[in-house]
Structures are given as structure tokens and as C-alpha cells.
Amino acid sequence: MFSTPAYAQAATGAGGSDLLAGQFGMIVPLVLMFVIFYFLLIRPQQKRAKDHVELIKNVRRGDTVVTTGGLIGRVTKAGDGDAEVEVEIAEGVRVRIVRAMISDVRAKGVPVKDKAST
């Protein structure tokens, strides 16, 4: 019914070459899984993040942007070194948002005319 200690003692340990092949056989699937995860998950995410940073850098006056909160508006003031941009979300309603909260640039538009110059 139960195995006796004699059967357990009769089993021999693995030889040196068998042990090395067994460890190598266990490492290969882990390395393969990491390579698959890198090409399917990590690399595309890094590319997407790099593209988003480039998109945020290139926001200029007149662009129609979508924020992460879902607001759509036209950029009225954007400096190159500024961390914030001013977006007009309705006629005469302007809000300042952080550049990182811009999720998409819908349309590259004609720059907005300054009211002071007209």
C-alpha cells in the first residue's frame, strides 16, 4: 500500500552531466518567457511612452488637444520650457493644464491670433 524505505533508497542521484542538463533545461523556458514578454509588452510600452513625450513637446498654439480628463480644447498659450499650457475649452473660457495631462493632439491648427495684435 505505502512505499517502503527500501524503494526510496534504491533510487540513484543524477550524475554531473545530467544535473547540468537539468538546470539548463529549467533556465531555457524562463529566458524564453522573458524574451517574449520583452517584445510583446515592455518594448511597445517604452515606444508608446517615448512617442507621448515627443507629442507633448511639440504642442503649439492652435492645436486641438484632448486631456486625460476628456476635455477637448484649443491651445492658446504654450511656451517651450513651460510645464503648463493654456487651453480654451469654450468661447472665453481658458484653463491651464499640465502638459503631461495631454493625452492626444487631434488636429494641428493655425495659430490663434492674439487679441492684442488685432
Protein backbone atom coordinates (compact mmCIF):
# COMPACT_ATOMS: atom_id res chain seq x y z
CA MET A 1 0.00 0.00 0.00
CA PHE A 2 2.69 2.52 1.01
CA SER A 3 6.17 2.58 -0.47
CA THR A 4 8.85 1.19 1.73
CA PRO A 5 12.14 2.92 2.55
CA ALA A 6 13.97 0.31 0.51
CA TYR A 7 12.42 1.60 -2.70
CA ALA A 8 13.34 5.18 -1.86
CA GLN A 9 16.95 4.21 -1.13
CA ALA A 10 17.28 2.27 -4.35
CA ALA A 11 16.91 5.44 -6.45
CA THR A 12 20.27 6.83 -7.51
CA GLY A 13 21.18 10.51 -7.69
CA ALA A 14 21.69 12.26 -11.00
CA GLY A 15 25.18 12.34 -12.47
CA GLY A 16 27.13 15.56 -13.04
CA SER A 17 26.23 15.91 -16.71
CA ASP A 18 22.59 15.07 -16.07
CA LEU A 19 22.41 17.72 -13.35
CA LEU A 20 23.82 20.39 -15.66
CA ALA A 21 21.42 19.46 -18.45
CA GLY A 22 18.52 19.52 -16.00
CA GLN A 23 19.37 23.03 -14.77
CA PHE A 24 19.89 24.27 -18.31
CA GLY A 25 16.54 22.77 -19.28
CA MET A 26 14.87 24.73 -16.47
CA ILE A 27 16.50 28.06 -17.37
CA VAL A 28 15.69 27.99 -21.09
CA PRO A 29 11.90 28.37 -20.64
CA LEU A 30 12.42 31.27 -18.21
CA VAL A 31 14.71 33.08 -20.65
CA LEU A 32 12.27 32.39 -23.48
CA MET A 33 9.38 33.78 -21.44
CA PHE A 34 11.37 36.93 -20.65
CA VAL A 35 12.20 37.45 -24.34
CA ILE A 36 8.53 37.04 -25.29
CA PHE A 37 7.42 39.47 -22.56
CA TYR A 38 10.05 41.98 -23.68
CA PHE A 39 8.94 42.00 -27.31
CA LEU A 40 5.20 41.82 -26.63
CA LEU A 41 4.85 44.06 -23.55
CA ILE A 42 7.89 46.03 -22.46
CA ARG A 43 9.23 47.27 -25.80
CA PRO A 44 5.88 48.53 -27.20
CA GLN A 45 5.14 50.32 -23.91
CA GLN A 46 8.52 52.07 -23.98
CA LYS A 47 7.91 53.14 -27.60
CA ARG A 48 4.44 54.44 -26.72
CA ALA A 49 5.83 56.44 -23.78
CA LYS A 50 8.59 57.89 -25.96
CA ASP A 51 6.05 58.90 -28.63
CA HIS A 52 3.84 60.54 -25.97
CA VAL A 53 6.76 62.60 -24.64
CA GLU A 54 7.54 63.73 -28.19
CA LEU A 55 3.86 64.59 -28.77
CA ILE A 56 3.76 66.72 -25.62
CA LYS A 57 6.97 68.55 -26.57
CA ASN A 58 5.52 69.50 -29.95
CA VAL A 59 2.25 71.05 -28.69
CA ARG A 60 1.93 74.56 -30.12
CA ARG A 61 -0.67 77.32 -30.17
CA GLY A 62 -3.68 76.45 -32.28
CA ASP A 63 -3.50 72.69 -31.73
CA THR A 64 -6.68 70.91 -30.70
CA VAL A 65 -5.86 68.69 -27.72
CA VAL A 66 -7.65 66.09 -25.62
CA THR A 67 -6.80 65.91 -21.92
CA THR A 68 -6.74 62.77 -19.81
CA GLY A 69 -9.94 64.05 -18.17
CA GLY A 70 -11.69 64.09 -21.54
CA LEU A 71 -11.75 67.84 -22.16
CA ILE A 72 -11.23 68.96 -25.74
CA GLY A 73 -9.90 72.42 -26.39
CA ARG A 74 -7.62 74.62 -28.47
CA VAL A 75 -4.21 75.60 -27.14
CA THR A 76 -3.97 79.37 -26.79
CA LYS A 77 -0.66 79.71 -24.96
CA ALA A 78 2.24 77.27 -24.88
CA GLY A 79 5.85 78.03 -24.11
CA ASP A 80 8.71 75.70 -24.98
CA GLY A 81 10.03 75.37 -21.44
CA ASP A 82 6.71 75.70 -19.63
CA ALA A 83 5.23 72.75 -17.78
CA GLU A 84 1.73 74.16 -18.33
CA VAL A 85 -0.29 75.18 -21.38
CA GLU A 86 -3.37 77.34 -21.60
CA VAL A 87 -6.32 75.71 -23.33
CA GLU A 88 -9.57 77.37 -24.41
CA ILE A 89 -12.34 74.84 -23.77
CA ALA A 90 -15.23 77.17 -24.65
CA GLU A 91 -15.60 80.71 -26.00
CA GLY A 92 -13.77 82.89 -23.47
CA VAL A 93 -13.13 80.01 -21.03
CA ARG A 94 -9.43 79.31 -20.66
CA VAL A 95 -7.84 76.84 -18.28
CA ARG A 96 -4.24 76.00 -17.52
CA ILE A 97 -3.33 72.33 -17.67
CA VAL A 98 -0.12 70.43 -17.09
CA ARG A 99 1.47 69.24 -20.34
CA ALA A 100 1.68 65.66 -19.08
CA MET A 101 -2.13 65.54 -18.87
CA ILE A 102 -2.49 65.92 -22.63
CA SER A 103 -3.40 62.52 -23.98
CA ASP A 104 -3.82 63.31 -27.69
CA VAL A 105 -3.37 66.07 -30.24
CA ARG A 106 -6.35 65.83 -32.58
CA ALA A 107 -5.51 68.49 -35.14
CA LYS A 108 -2.57 70.70 -35.81
CA GLY A 109 -4.23 74.03 -36.30
CA VAL A 110 -3.47 77.51 -37.48
CA PRO A 111 -2.00 79.54 -34.61
CA VAL A 112 -4.59 81.51 -32.64
CA LYS A 113 -4.45 85.27 -33.21
CA ASP A 114 -3.62 87.36 -30.21
CA LYS A 115 -6.41 89.76 -29.27
CA ALA A 116 -3.81 92.43 -28.50
CA SER A 117 -2.50 92.44 -32.11
CA THR A 118 -5.94 92.98 -33.74
